[in-house]
Protein backbone atom coordinates (compact mmCIF):
# COMPACT_ATOMS: atom_id res chain seq x y z
CA GLN A 1 15.52 -2.18 -12.43
CA VAL A 2 12.15 -1.84 -10.40
CA GLN A 3 10.66 1.51 -10.06
CA LEU A 4 7.73 1.58 -7.78
CA VAL A 5 5.52 5.12 -8.23
CA GLU A 6 2.75 5.71 -5.76
CA SER A 7 -0.35 7.92 -6.30
CA GLY A 8 -3.57 8.52 -4.52
CA GLY A 9 -3.12 10.19 -1.06
CA GLY A 10 -4.33 13.37 0.64
CA LEU A 11 -6.36 14.67 3.16
CA VAL A 12 -9.49 12.99 3.89
CA GLN A 13 -12.22 13.65 6.95
CA PRO A 14 -12.91 11.01 9.59
CA GLY A 15 -15.19 8.30 7.90
CA GLY A 16 -14.00 8.95 4.50
CA SER A 17 -12.38 6.89 1.52
CA LEU A 18 -9.07 6.70 -0.15
CA ARG A 19 -7.78 4.57 -2.98
CA LEU A 20 -3.99 4.31 -3.17
CA SER A 21 -2.11 2.98 -6.11
CA CYS A 22 1.11 1.93 -6.80
CA ALA A 23 2.61 1.43 -10.39
CA ALA A 24 5.59 -1.06 -11.30
CA SER A 25 8.22 -0.92 -13.74
CA GLY A 26 10.15 -3.97 -15.16
CA SER A 27 8.98 -7.63 -15.71
CA ILE A 28 9.21 -9.08 -12.01
CA PHE A 29 6.25 -7.93 -10.97
CA ARG A 30 4.00 -10.83 -11.62
CA PHE A 31 6.45 -13.07 -9.57
CA SER A 32 7.01 -10.65 -6.59
CA THR A 33 4.85 -10.23 -3.47
CA MET A 34 3.48 -6.64 -2.74
CA ALA A 35 2.83 -4.83 0.28
CA TRP A 36 1.76 -1.30 1.64
CA TYR A 37 3.51 0.12 4.46
CA ARG A 38 2.89 3.22 6.47
CA GLN A 39 5.00 5.32 8.68
CA ALA A 40 3.62 7.72 11.01
CA PRO A 41 5.43 10.57 12.44
CA GLY A 42 7.78 9.69 15.22
CA LYS A 43 7.01 5.84 14.63
CA GLN A 44 8.52 2.97 13.30
CA ARG A 45 7.44 1.80 9.64
CA GLU A 46 4.46 -0.83 10.06
CA LEU A 47 3.16 -3.34 7.31
CA VAL A 48 -0.66 -2.32 6.54
CA ALA A 49 -1.30 -4.96 3.69
CA HIS A 50 0.49 -7.75 1.91
CA ILE A 51 -0.70 -9.78 -1.34
CA SER A 52 0.89 -12.88 -3.00
CA SER A 53 2.06 -13.09 -6.47
CA GLY A 54 -1.00 -14.38 -7.92
CA GLY A 55 -3.40 -12.32 -5.72
CA ILE A 56 -5.03 -15.35 -3.90
CA SER A 57 -3.81 -14.77 -0.64
CA THR A 58 -3.58 -11.48 1.48
CA ASN A 59 -3.01 -10.55 5.00
CA TYR A 60 -3.46 -7.29 6.78
CA ALA A 61 -2.75 -5.58 10.05
CA ASP A 62 -5.35 -5.74 12.67
CA SER A 63 -5.64 -2.36 13.11
CA VAL A 64 -7.03 -2.04 9.18
CA LYS A 65 -8.74 -5.24 9.31
CA GLY A 66 -12.14 -4.89 7.56
CA ARG A 67 -11.54 -1.36 6.50
CA PHE A 68 -8.67 -1.78 3.67
CA THR A 69 -8.39 -4.03 0.83
CA ILE A 70 -5.39 -4.79 -1.04
CA SER A 71 -5.33 -5.78 -4.50
CA ARG A 72 -3.11 -6.14 -7.73
CA ASP A 73 -3.39 -6.33 -11.42
CA ASN A 74 -0.56 -8.47 -12.96
CA VAL A 75 -1.39 -7.25 -16.44
CA LYS A 76 -1.09 -3.51 -15.51
CA LYS A 77 1.50 -4.17 -12.73
CA THR A 78 -0.51 -2.23 -10.26
CA VAL A 79 -1.34 -2.92 -6.71
CA ASP A 80 -4.03 -0.85 -4.84
CA LEU A 81 -4.78 -0.50 -1.70
CA GLN A 82 -8.41 0.65 -0.79
CA MET A 83 -9.08 2.43 2.18
CA ASN A 84 -12.41 3.03 3.95
CA SER A 85 -13.58 4.32 7.23
CA LEU A 86 -10.25 6.24 7.91
CA LYS A 87 -9.15 7.50 11.11
CA PRO A 88 -7.20 9.75 12.26
CA GLU A 89 -4.67 7.28 13.22
CA ASP A 90 -4.49 6.12 9.92
CA THR A 91 -2.62 9.61 9.12
CA ALA A 92 0.99 8.46 7.59
CA VAL A 93 3.20 8.31 4.52
CA TYR A 94 1.92 4.97 2.85
CA TYR A 95 4.80 3.26 0.85
CA CYS A 96 4.84 0.25 -1.98
CA ASN A 97 7.04 -2.82 -1.52
CA LEU A 98 7.99 -5.24 -3.74
CA GLU A 99 10.04 -8.65 -2.84
CA TRP A 100 11.24 -10.79 -5.46
CA ALA A 101 13.90 -13.62 -4.78
CA GLY A 102 15.55 -11.53 -1.66
CA HIS A 103 15.04 -8.19 -3.43
CA ILE A 104 13.18 -5.32 -1.76
CA TYR A 105 12.07 -2.43 -3.55
CA TRP A 106 10.30 0.74 -2.18
CA GLY A 107 8.18 3.20 -3.46
CA GLN A 108 8.88 7.22 -2.54
CA GLY A 109 5.61 7.13 -0.58
CA THR A 110 2.47 9.04 -0.65
CA GLN A 111 1.16 11.19 2.44
CA VAL A 112 -2.44 10.54 3.70
CA THR A 113 -3.79 12.65 6.12
CA VAL A 114 -7.14 12.01 8.01
CA SER A 115 -8.39 15.12 9.96
CA SER A 116 -11.30 17.23 10.23
């Protein structure tokens, strides 16, 4: 069974930075692709960033390119999202996502609020 636990959310001023972390349990982490999604109030959940199982390939939503960086540690079984130059429109609940062999798992989400 896979469990994903996010941490690192909070309130930050525009232009500030936050680092989200997702810790995974189970033995399939290093074989899995990982991603961060977010969902703002009244909007659909959207992909923010994606990283391949080996960490070589990454993809980002256009809205966060150049500001966010996804990374993973297959020994610690964690995936992080470094968020810089945050904007009010980045306010959302951020979810960690694991995909492996057609199975999809989600974390419980962590709130990020960008406001002065």
